[in-house]
Amino acid sequence: MSQSHKSQSPKIIGGTWWILRILLYLCRPKNKGKKRIMDTQILKLNEPYEYIHCNGSIGLHIATMIVYEAKVNDNGDYELVTHSHPVVKYRNRPSGTVWNRAELTDCTVLCREDNKHITMSQFYDFVKKSANIRLEGKDEEHDLLTMNIAWWKFTLDMHGIEIEWPMEKVEGGKQRPAFEFEVGLEFEEAPEGSKFKYICYDIQYSDVTPLYVHFGFNTREELKANLSNVMVGYYSMFKDHMFRISFAWPIETEFNDVSEEVNRLEKEIREHYNDIDV
């Protein structure tokens, strides 16, 4: 389950209270010129560490760097600002790396290193946040969804993080692996200046586990090809599971018949997915 980051009990290096007092003293209002003083502190975390993600990156959160910034403002009063940046360890780097462009509150926990499993809903959240960063203000990044989804799953695979298949309830209170994945679609005109006329994206249409969809298109033929590739992408990435994807829509649009046509081709697409590597 996706959740905002909650740090573990840290081991504090140095006296935080004395650091703050010294900074505020040096930056007290009697200073005539503008002063700006910075100091840092490392808070080490306890094992087992947690995998976190932010801005499209995944790392093992091993510590937090606290940056204290004290300065005199235009009114001659002192201000104290703090920033918390994760220190992470990558799979192929033994030392820690500071995510200086990310605040700890912006990060989301995926899992712990001693239990490397996430839900399909967490995967959806991870992909959506990561893809939005790539898509924001970059029209050329509206590539076929399958390539983006395959890449994000590959990044999880590199860290040994597995996606748990969702379960659904059946009669008698028992559970079985989910089979039906109905993806709600919505269409809108692309922003002015875009190379696309329309944007297609998923919406939370029902209680079924969501699958991420987001791409631009110009023609009905492109829409059909992209929706077909959505199916191909998911069927190829999750070959070990038997399931069926269909598309639905909350309101009538000029593209509903295209979605219906792809739904009719679903069985043919699914039967061939084992021969396709993404």
C-alpha atoms as a PDB file:
ATOM      1  CA  MET A   1       0.000   0.000   0.000  1.00  0.00           C
ATOM      2  CA  SER A   2       1.417   3.326  -1.034  1.00  0.00           C
ATOM      3  CA  GLN A   3       2.117   5.654   1.834  1.00  0.00           C
ATOM      4  CA  SER A   4       3.906   8.889   2.513  1.00  0.00           C
ATOM      5  CA  HIS A   5       7.343   8.386   3.978  1.00  0.00           C
ATOM      6  CA  LYS A   6       7.577   7.950   7.730  1.00  0.00           C
ATOM      7  CA  SER A   7      11.183   7.877   8.858  1.00  0.00           C
ATOM      8  CA  GLN A   8      12.469   5.387  11.380  1.00  0.00           C
ATOM      9  CA  SER A   9      13.886   6.408  14.751  1.00  0.00           C
ATOM     10  CA  PRO A  10      17.209   8.020  13.763  1.00  0.00           C
ATOM     11  CA  LYS A  11      20.572   8.122  15.451  1.00  0.00           C
ATOM     12  CA  ILE A  12      21.359  11.830  15.761  1.00  0.00           C
ATOM     13  CA  ILE A  13      24.928  12.832  15.055  1.00  0.00           C
ATOM     14  CA  GLY A  14      25.749  16.023  16.956  1.00  0.00           C
ATOM     15  CA  GLY A  15      23.562  18.142  19.211  1.00  0.00           C
ATOM     16  CA  THR A  16      20.656  19.506  17.208  1.00  0.00           C
ATOM     17  CA  TRP A  17      19.681  22.001  19.925  1.00  0.00           C
ATOM     18  CA  TRP A  18      23.151  23.490  20.146  1.00  0.00           C
ATOM     19  CA  ILE A  19      23.400  23.740  16.355  1.00  0.00           C
ATOM     20  CA  LEU A  20      20.161  25.738  16.249  1.00  0.00           C
ATOM     21  CA  ARG A  21      21.242  28.034  19.088  1.00  0.00           C
ATOM     22  CA  ILE A  22      24.609  28.762  17.484  1.00  0.00           C
ATOM     23  CA  LEU A  23      23.021  29.457  14.099  1.00  0.00           C
ATOM     24  CA  LEU A  24      20.437  31.792  15.563  1.00  0.00           C
ATOM     25  CA  TYR A  25      23.067  33.589  17.635  1.00  0.00           C
ATOM     26  CA  LEU A  26      25.312  34.168  14.629  1.00  0.00           C
ATOM     27  CA  CYS A  27      22.337  35.348  12.632  1.00  0.00           C
ATOM     28  CA  ARG A  28      20.769  37.580  15.301  1.00  0.00           C
ATOM     29  CA  PRO A  29      19.138  40.831  14.074  1.00  0.00           C
ATOM     30  CA  LYS A  30      21.914  43.128  15.296  1.00  0.00           C
ATOM     31  CA  ASN A  31      23.967  42.088  12.260  1.00  0.00           C
ATOM     32  CA  LYS A  32      23.800  44.974   9.810  1.00  0.00           C
ATOM     33  CA  GLY A  33      24.505  43.104   6.570  1.00  0.00           C
ATOM     34  CA  LYS A  34      22.555  40.143   5.306  1.00  0.00           C
ATOM     35  CA  LYS A  35      23.986  36.956   6.744  1.00  0.00           C
ATOM     36  CA  ARG A  36      23.329  33.478   5.464  1.00  0.00           C
ATOM     37  CA  ILE A  37      24.683  30.539   7.408  1.00  0.00           C
ATOM     38  CA  MET A  38      24.175  26.889   6.608  1.00  0.00           C
ATOM     39  CA  ASP A  39      24.986  23.702   8.444  1.00  0.00           C
ATOM     40  CA  THR A  40      24.166  20.047   7.873  1.00  0.00           C
ATOM     41  CA  GLN A  41      23.534  17.016  10.012  1.00  0.00           C
ATOM     42  CA  ILE A  42      23.257  13.337   9.112  1.00  0.00           C
ATOM     43  CA  LEU A  43      20.583  11.207  10.754  1.00  0.00           C
ATOM     44  CA  LYS A  44      21.426   7.533  10.338  1.00  0.00           C
ATOM     45  CA  LEU A  45      18.545   5.053  10.094  1.00  0.00           C
ATOM     46  CA  ASN A  46      18.335   1.552  11.506  1.00  0.00           C
ATOM     47  CA  GLU A  47      18.171  -1.607   9.453  1.00  0.00           C
ATOM     48  CA  PRO A  48      16.167  -3.033   7.783  1.00  0.00           C
ATOM     49  CA  TYR A  49      16.135  -0.075   5.425  1.00  0.00           C
ATOM     50  CA  GLU A  50      13.207   0.931   3.233  1.00  0.00           C
ATOM     51  CA  TYR A  51      13.065   1.327  -0.539  1.00  0.00           C
ATOM     52  CA  ILE A  52      11.649   4.731  -1.415  1.00  0.00           C
ATOM     53  CA  HIS A  53      10.873   6.448  -4.697  1.00  0.00           C
ATOM     54  CA  CYS A  54      10.713  10.060  -5.803  1.00  0.00           C
ATOM     55  CA  ASN A  55      11.097  11.871  -9.119  1.00  0.00           C
ATOM     56  CA  GLY A  56      11.243   8.561 -10.987  1.00  0.00           C
ATOM     57  CA  SER A  57      14.134   7.119  -8.951  1.00  0.00           C
ATOM     58  CA  ILE A  58      14.262   4.207  -6.495  1.00  0.00           C
ATOM     59  CA  GLY A  59      16.794   3.959  -3.678  1.00  0.00           C
ATOM     60  CA  LEU A  60      17.408   2.247  -0.348  1.00  0.00           C
ATOM     61  CA  HIS A  61      16.903   4.924   2.312  1.00  0.00           C
ATOM     62  CA  ILE A  62      19.877   4.619   4.695  1.00  0.00           C
ATOM     63  CA  ALA A  63      20.023   8.115   6.218  1.00  0.00           C
ATOM     64  CA  THR A  64      18.621  11.640   6.045  1.00  0.00           C
ATOM     65  CA  MET A  65      20.645  14.810   5.588  1.00  0.00           C
ATOM     66  CA  ILE A  66      19.180  17.771   7.486  1.00  0.00           C
ATOM     67  CA  VAL A  67      20.176  21.182   6.139  1.00  0.00           C
ATOM     68  CA  TYR A  68      19.819  24.117   8.551  1.00  0.00           C
ATOM     69  CA  GLU A  69      19.739  27.541   6.945  1.00  0.00           C
ATOM     70  CA  ALA A  70      19.721  30.699   9.056  1.00  0.00           C
ATOM     71  CA  LYS A  71      19.501  34.161   7.516  1.00  0.00           C
ATOM     72  CA  VAL A  72      18.530  37.735   8.255  1.00  0.00           C
ATOM     73  CA  ASN A  73      15.521  38.886   6.241  1.00  0.00           C
ATOM     74  CA  ASP A  74      14.805  42.358   4.834  1.00  0.00           C
ATOM     75  CA  ASN A  75      13.254  43.426   8.141  1.00  0.00           C
ATOM     76  CA  GLY A  76      16.383  42.589  10.064  1.00  0.00           C
ATOM     77  CA  ASP A  77      14.791  39.571  11.738  1.00  0.00           C
ATOM     78  CA  TYR A  78      16.387  36.154  11.712  1.00  0.00           C
ATOM     79  CA  GLU A  79      14.745  33.158  10.059  1.00  0.00           C
ATOM     80  CA  LEU A  80      15.587  29.505  10.367  1.00  0.00           C
ATOM     81  CA  VAL A  81      14.662  27.065   7.601  1.00  0.00           C
ATOM     82  CA  THR A  82      15.341  23.327   7.529  1.00  0.00           C
ATOM     83  CA  HIS A  83      15.362  20.878   4.637  1.00  0.00           C
ATOM     84  CA  SER A  84      15.401  17.072   4.862  1.00  0.00           C
ATOM     85  CA  HIS A  85      17.012  15.207   1.961  1.00  0.00           C
ATOM     86  CA  PRO A  86      17.102  11.394   1.730  1.00  0.00           C
ATOM     87  CA  VAL A  87      20.468   9.652   1.552  1.00  0.00           C
ATOM     88  CA  VAL A  88      20.018   6.489  -0.503  1.00  0.00           C
ATOM     89  CA  LYS A  89      22.112   3.548  -1.584  1.00  0.00           C
ATOM     90  CA  TYR A  90      21.831   2.263  -5.128  1.00  0.00           C
ATOM     91  CA  ARG A  91      22.263  -1.378  -6.078  1.00  0.00           C
ATOM     92  CA  ASN A  92      25.529  -0.748  -7.945  1.00  0.00           C
ATOM     93  CA  ARG A  93      26.969   1.940  -5.638  1.00  0.00           C
ATOM     94  CA  PRO A  94      28.319   1.079  -2.187  1.00  0.00           C
ATOM     95  CA  SER A  95      28.313   4.655  -0.886  1.00  0.00           C
ATOM     96  CA  GLY A  96      25.318   6.857  -0.132  1.00  0.00           C
ATOM     97  CA  THR A  97      23.866   9.391  -2.568  1.00  0.00           C
ATOM     98  CA  VAL A  98      21.988  12.496  -1.443  1.00  0.00           C
ATOM     99  CA  TRP A  99      18.744  13.251  -3.264  1.00  0.00           C
ATOM    100  CA  ASN A 100      19.290  17.000  -3.019  1.00  0.00           C
ATOM    101  CA  ARG A 101      16.324  17.768  -5.284  1.00  0.00           C
ATOM    102  CA  ALA A 102      13.892  15.791  -3.161  1.00  0.00           C
ATOM    103  CA  GLU A 103      12.477  16.538   0.270  1.00  0.00           C
ATOM    104  CA  LEU A 104      11.797  13.554   2.499  1.00  0.00           C
ATOM    105  CA  THR A 105       8.094  14.466   2.596  1.00  0.00           C
ATOM    106  CA  ASP A 106       7.946  14.128  -1.207  1.00  0.00           C
ATOM    107  CA  CYS A 107       9.103  10.499  -1.107  1.00  0.00           C
ATOM    108  CA  THR A 108       6.938   7.394  -0.929  1.00  0.00           C
ATOM    109  CA  VAL A 109       7.842   4.094   0.700  1.00  0.00           C
ATOM    110  CA  LEU A 110       7.698   1.035  -1.555  1.00  0.00           C
ATOM    111  CA  CYS A 111       8.789  -1.748   0.802  1.00  0.00           C
ATOM    112  CA  ARG A 112      11.466  -2.856   3.265  1.00  0.00           C
ATOM    113  CA  GLU A 113      14.627  -4.591   2.157  1.00  0.00           C
ATOM    114  CA  ASP A 114      13.646  -7.717   4.105  1.00  0.00           C
ATOM    115  CA  ASN A 115      10.236  -7.939   2.378  1.00  0.00           C
ATOM    116  CA  LYS A 116      10.581  -6.793  -1.206  1.00  0.00           C
ATOM    117  CA  HIS A 117       6.965  -7.030  -2.327  1.00  0.00           C
ATOM    118  CA  ILE A 118       4.520  -4.332  -3.432  1.00  0.00           C
ATOM    119  CA  THR A 119       0.866  -4.450  -4.484  1.00  0.00           C
ATOM    120  CA  MET A 120      -0.436  -3.753  -7.965  1.00  0.00           C
ATOM    121  CA  SER A 121      -1.947  -0.537  -6.614  1.00  0.00           C
ATOM    122  CA  GLN A 122       1.496   0.553  -5.379  1.00  0.00           C
ATOM    123  CA  PHE A 123       2.904  -0.217  -8.820  1.00  0.00           C
ATOM    124  CA  TYR A 124       0.177   1.941 -10.378  1.00  0.00           C
ATOM    125  CA  ASP A 125       0.997   4.796  -8.008  1.00  0.00           C
ATOM    126  CA  PHE A 126       4.733   4.464  -8.705  1.00  0.00           C
ATOM    127  CA  VAL A 127       4.257   4.491 -12.480  1.00  0.00           C
ATOM    128  CA  LYS A 128       1.772   7.375 -12.429  1.00  0.00           C
ATOM    129  CA  LYS A 129       4.023   9.611 -10.328  1.00  0.00           C
ATOM    130  CA  SER A 130       7.115   8.718 -12.364  1.00  0.00           C
ATOM    131  CA  ALA A 131       5.411   9.098 -15.739  1.00  0.00           C
ATOM    132  CA  ASN A 132       3.887  12.456 -14.775  1.00  0.00           C
ATOM    133  CA  ILE A 133       7.369  13.800 -14.104  1.00  0.00           C
ATOM    134  CA  ARG A 134       8.521  12.700 -17.552  1.00  0.00           C
ATOM    135  CA  LEU A 135       5.382  13.958 -19.289  1.00  0.00           C
ATOM    136  CA  GLU A 136       5.137  17.350 -17.624  1.00  0.00           C
ATOM    137  CA  GLY A 137       5.788  20.014 -20.237  1.00  0.00           C
ATOM    138  CA  LYS A 138       7.386  17.532 -22.633  1.00  0.00           C
ATOM    139  CA  ASP A 139       5.048  16.657 -25.452  1.00  0.00           C
ATOM    140  CA  GLU A 140       7.584  14.341 -27.057  1.00  0.00           C
ATOM    141  CA  GLU A 141       7.458  12.117 -23.978  1.00  0.00           C
ATOM    142  CA  HIS A 142       3.958  10.859 -24.885  1.00  0.00           C
ATOM    143  CA  ASP A 143       5.466   7.600 -26.155  1.00  0.00           C
ATOM    144  CA  LEU A 144       3.513   4.363 -26.344  1.00  0.00           C
ATOM    145  CA  LEU A 145       2.429   3.375 -22.880  1.00  0.00           C
ATOM    146  CA  THR A 146       3.911  -0.105 -23.151  1.00  0.00           C
ATOM    147  CA  MET A 147       7.462   1.231 -23.341  1.00  0.00           C
ATOM    148  CA  ASN A 148       7.015   3.393 -20.237  1.00  0.00           C
ATOM    149  CA  ILE A 149       5.318   0.675 -18.196  1.00  0.00           C
ATOM    150  CA  ALA A 150       7.915  -1.910 -19.180  1.00  0.00           C
ATOM    151  CA  TRP A 151      10.711   0.426 -18.108  1.00  0.00           C
ATOM    152  CA  TRP A 152       9.237   1.103 -14.670  1.00  0.00           C
ATOM    153  CA  LYS A 153       8.696  -2.604 -14.041  1.00  0.00           C
ATOM    154  CA  PHE A 154      12.272  -3.240 -15.155  1.00  0.00           C
ATOM    155  CA  THR A 155      13.552  -0.766 -12.548  1.00  0.00           C
ATOM    156  CA  LEU A 156      11.700  -2.741  -9.871  1.00  0.00           C
ATOM    157  CA  ASP A 157      13.097  -6.006 -11.214  1.00  0.00           C
ATOM    158  CA  MET A 158      16.635  -4.619 -10.958  1.00  0.00           C
ATOM    159  CA  HIS A 159      16.102  -4.091  -7.227  1.00  0.00           C
ATOM    160  CA  GLY A 160      14.504  -7.501  -6.791  1.00  0.00           C
ATOM    161  CA  ILE A 161      11.135  -5.961  -5.911  1.00  0.00           C
ATOM    162  CA  GLU A 162       8.201  -8.190  -6.852  1.00  0.00           C
ATOM    163  CA  ILE A 163       4.627  -7.161  -7.613  1.00  0.00           C
ATOM    164  CA  GLU A 164       2.027  -9.206  -5.752  1.00  0.00           C
ATOM    165  CA  TRP A 165      -0.877 -10.259  -7.917  1.00  0.00           C
ATOM    166  CA  PRO A 166      -4.218  -8.909  -6.613  1.00  0.00           C
ATOM    167  CA  MET A 167      -6.778 -11.290  -5.218  1.00  0.00           C
ATOM    168  CA  GLU A 168     -10.570 -11.200  -5.499  1.00  0.00           C
ATOM    169  CA  LYS A 169     -13.228 -12.648  -3.226  1.00  0.00           C
ATOM    170  CA  VAL A 170     -15.428 -15.517  -4.352  1.00  0.00           C
ATOM    171  CA  GLU A 171     -18.310 -17.399  -2.777  1.00  0.00           C
ATOM    172  CA  GLY A 172     -17.671 -18.826   0.662  1.00  0.00           C
ATOM    173  CA  GLY A 173     -15.284 -16.032   1.623  1.00  0.00           C
ATOM    174  CA  LYS A 174     -12.407 -17.586  -0.317  1.00  0.00           C
ATOM    175  CA  GLN A 175     -10.038 -15.678  -2.575  1.00  0.00           C
ATOM    176  CA  ARG A 176      -8.587 -16.325  -5.998  1.00  0.00           C
ATOM    177  CA  PRO A 177      -6.182 -14.451  -8.293  1.00  0.00           C
ATOM    178  CA  ALA A 178      -7.910 -11.545 -10.033  1.00  0.00           C
ATOM    179  CA  PHE A 179      -8.851 -12.253 -13.638  1.00  0.00           C
ATOM    180  CA  GLU A 180     -10.924  -9.319 -14.907  1.00  0.00           C
ATOM    181  CA  PHE A 181      -9.220  -5.919 -15.255  1.00  0.00           C
ATOM    182  CA  GLU A 182     -11.668  -3.319 -16.550  1.00  0.00           C
ATOM    183  CA  VAL A 183      -9.863  -0.068 -17.371  1.00  0.00           C
ATOM    184  CA  GLY A 184     -11.971   3.079 -17.470  1.00  0.00           C
ATOM    185  CA  LEU A 185     -10.923   5.519 -20.202  1.00  0.00           C
ATOM    186  CA  GLU A 186     -11.396   9.216 -20.666  1.00  0.00           C
ATOM    187  CA  PHE A 187     -10.533  11.399 -23.649  1.00  0.00           C
ATOM    188  CA  GLU A 188      -9.799  15.087 -23.912  1.00  0.00           C
ATOM    189  CA  GLU A 189      -8.322  17.522 -26.395  1.00  0.00           C
ATOM    190  CA  ALA A 190      -4.576  17.932 -26.122  1.00  0.00           C
ATOM    191  CA  PRO A 191      -3.161  21.272 -24.905  1.00  0.00           C
ATOM    192  CA  GLU A 192      -2.541  23.974 -27.478  1.00  0.00           C
ATOM    193  CA  GLY A 193       0.799  23.512 -29.217  1.00  0.00           C
ATOM    194  CA  SER A 194       0.872  19.749 -28.713  1.00  0.00           C
ATOM    195  CA  LYS A 195       1.743  17.476 -31.617  1.00  0.00           C
ATOM    196  CA  PHE A 196      -1.304  15.411 -30.659  1.00  0.00           C
ATOM    197  CA  LYS A 197      -4.988  16.247 -31.033  1.00  0.00           C
ATOM    198  CA  TYR A 198      -6.209  14.115 -28.152  1.00  0.00           C
ATOM    199  CA  ILE A 199      -5.057  12.544 -24.900  1.00  0.00           C
ATOM    200  CA  CYS A 200      -6.304   9.191 -23.594  1.00  0.00           C
ATOM    201  CA  TYR A 201      -5.875   8.319 -19.923  1.00  0.00           C
ATOM    202  CA  ASP A 202      -7.250   5.915 -17.334  1.00  0.00           C
ATOM    203  CA  ILE A 203      -9.747   6.815 -14.631  1.00  0.00           C
ATOM    204  CA  GLN A 204     -10.896   4.967 -11.523  1.00  0.00           C
ATOM    205  CA  TYR A 205     -13.943   3.421 -13.181  1.00  0.00           C
ATOM    206  CA  SER A 206     -14.645   0.687 -10.632  1.00  0.00           C
ATOM    207  CA  ASP A 207     -13.147  -1.096  -7.625  1.00  0.00           C
ATOM    208  CA  VAL A 208     -10.975  -3.218  -9.903  1.00  0.00           C
ATOM    209  CA  THR A 209      -7.220  -2.770  -9.468  1.00  0.00           C
ATOM    210  CA  PRO A 210      -6.206   0.108 -11.773  1.00  0.00           C
ATOM    211  CA  LEU A 211      -3.866  -0.213 -14.743  1.00  0.00           C
ATOM    212  CA  TYR A 212      -2.015   2.890 -15.885  1.00  0.00           C
ATOM    213  CA  VAL A 213      -2.882   4.315 -19.326  1.00  0.00           C
ATOM    214  CA  HIS A 214      -1.698   7.645 -20.707  1.00  0.00           C
ATOM    215  CA  PHE A 215      -0.848   8.519 -24.316  1.00  0.00           C
ATOM    216  CA  GLY A 216      -1.502  11.038 -27.050  1.00  0.00           C
ATOM    217  CA  PHE A 217      -2.982  10.303 -30.483  1.00  0.00           C
ATOM    218  CA  ASN A 218      -4.237  12.035 -33.610  1.00  0.00           C
ATOM    219  CA  THR A 219      -6.375   9.496 -35.450  1.00  0.00           C
ATOM    220  CA  ARG A 220      -8.741   6.667 -34.647  1.00  0.00           C
ATOM    221  CA  GLU A 221      -6.204   4.259 -36.138  1.00  0.00           C
ATOM    222  CA  GLU A 222      -3.540   5.496 -33.708  1.00  0.00           C
ATOM    223  CA  LEU A 223      -5.955   5.122 -30.813  1.00  0.00           C
ATOM    224  CA  LYS A 224      -6.713   1.527 -31.793  1.00  0.00           C
ATOM    225  CA  ALA A 225      -3.004   0.717 -32.132  1.00  0.00           C
ATOM    226  CA  ASN A 226      -2.143   2.289 -28.775  1.00  0.00           C
ATOM    227  CA  LEU A 227      -4.951   0.536 -26.885  1.00  0.00           C
ATOM    228  CA  SER A 228      -3.858  -2.748 -28.456  1.00  0.00           C
ATOM    229  CA  ASN A 229      -0.312  -2.032 -27.282  1.00  0.00           C
ATOM    230  CA  VAL A 230      -1.620  -1.411 -23.766  1.00  0.00           C
ATOM    231  CA  MET A 231      -2.916  -4.981 -23.732  1.00  0.00           C
ATOM    232  CA  VAL A 232       0.241  -6.350 -25.315  1.00  0.00           C
ATOM    233  CA  GLY A 233       2.404  -4.549 -22.753  1.00  0.00           C
ATOM    234  CA  TYR A 234       0.591  -5.845 -19.685  1.00  0.00           C
ATOM    235  CA  TYR A 235       0.141  -9.375 -21.040  1.00  0.00           C
ATOM    236  CA  SER A 236       3.840  -9.546 -21.897  1.00  0.00           C
ATOM    237  CA  MET A 237       5.061  -8.234 -18.535  1.00  0.00           C
ATOM    238  CA  PHE A 238       2.840 -10.542 -16.488  1.00  0.00           C
ATOM    239  CA  LYS A 239       3.163 -13.765 -18.439  1.00  0.00           C
ATOM    240  CA  ASP A 240       2.917 -15.887 -15.325  1.00  0.00           C
ATOM    241  CA  HIS A 241      -0.691 -14.807 -14.702  1.00  0.00           C
ATOM    242  CA  MET A 242      -3.893 -15.483 -16.568  1.00  0.00           C
ATOM    243  CA  PHE A 243      -6.080 -12.382 -16.775  1.00  0.00           C
ATOM    244  CA  ARG A 244      -8.205 -10.368 -19.173  1.00  0.00           C
ATOM    245  CA  ILE A 245      -8.151  -6.638 -19.887  1.00  0.00           C
ATOM    246  CA  SER A 246     -11.132  -4.693 -21.202  1.00  0.00           C
ATOM    247  CA  PHE A 247     -11.824  -1.004 -21.678  1.00  0.00           C
ATOM    248  CA  ALA A 248     -14.859   0.892 -20.438  1.00  0.00           C
ATOM    249  CA  TRP A 249     -16.020   4.507 -20.341  1.00  0.00           C
ATOM    250  CA  PRO A 250     -18.315   6.506 -18.035  1.00  0.00           C
ATOM    251  CA  ILE A 251     -19.754   8.700 -20.802  1.00  0.00           C
ATOM    252  CA  GLU A 252     -20.402   8.392 -24.511  1.00  0.00           C
ATOM    253  CA  THR A 253     -17.626   9.775 -26.728  1.00  0.00           C
ATOM    254  CA  GLU A 254     -16.743   9.672 -30.398  1.00  0.00           C
ATOM    255  CA  PHE A 255     -14.084   7.022 -29.616  1.00  0.00           C
ATOM    256  CA  ASN A 256     -16.193   4.466 -27.757  1.00  0.00           C
ATOM    257  CA  ASP A 257     -16.565   2.292 -30.834  1.00  0.00           C
ATOM    258  CA  VAL A 258     -12.764   2.100 -31.180  1.00  0.00           C
ATOM    259  CA  SER A 259     -12.498   0.855 -27.589  1.00  0.00           C
ATOM    260  CA  GLU A 260     -15.224  -1.696 -28.289  1.00  0.00           C
ATOM    261  CA  GLU A 261     -13.338  -2.917 -31.357  1.00  0.00           C
ATOM    262  CA  VAL A 262     -10.157  -3.442 -29.308  1.00  0.00           C
ATOM    263  CA  ASN A 263     -12.200  -5.309 -26.694  1.00  0.00           C
ATOM    264  CA  ARG A 264     -13.392  -7.689 -29.410  1.00  0.00           C
ATOM    265  CA  LEU A 265      -9.764  -8.307 -30.415  1.00  0.00           C
ATOM    266  CA  GLU A 266      -8.669  -8.951 -26.814  1.00  0.00           C
ATOM    267  CA  LYS A 267      -8.731 -12.729 -27.025  1.00  0.00           C
ATOM    268  CA  GLU A 268      -6.600 -12.723 -30.167  1.00  0.00           C
ATOM    269  CA  ILE A 269      -4.108 -10.312 -28.560  1.00  0.00           C
ATOM    270  CA  ARG A 270      -3.961 -12.329 -25.329  1.00  0.00           C
ATOM    271  CA  GLU A 271      -3.316 -15.593 -27.166  1.00  0.00           C
ATOM    272  CA  HIS A 272      -0.222 -14.089 -28.787  1.00  0.00           C
ATOM    273  CA  TYR A 273       1.265 -12.246 -25.824  1.00  0.00           C
ATOM    274  CA  ASN A 274       3.634 -15.091 -24.873  1.00  0.00           C
ATOM    275  CA  ASP A 275       5.456 -14.583 -28.153  1.00  0.00           C
ATOM    276  CA  ILE A 276       6.129 -10.890 -27.439  1.00  0.00           C
ATOM    277  CA  ASP A 277       8.895  -9.557 -25.219  1.00  0.00           C
ATOM    278  CA  VAL A 278       8.651  -5.957 -24.011  1.00  0.00           C
END
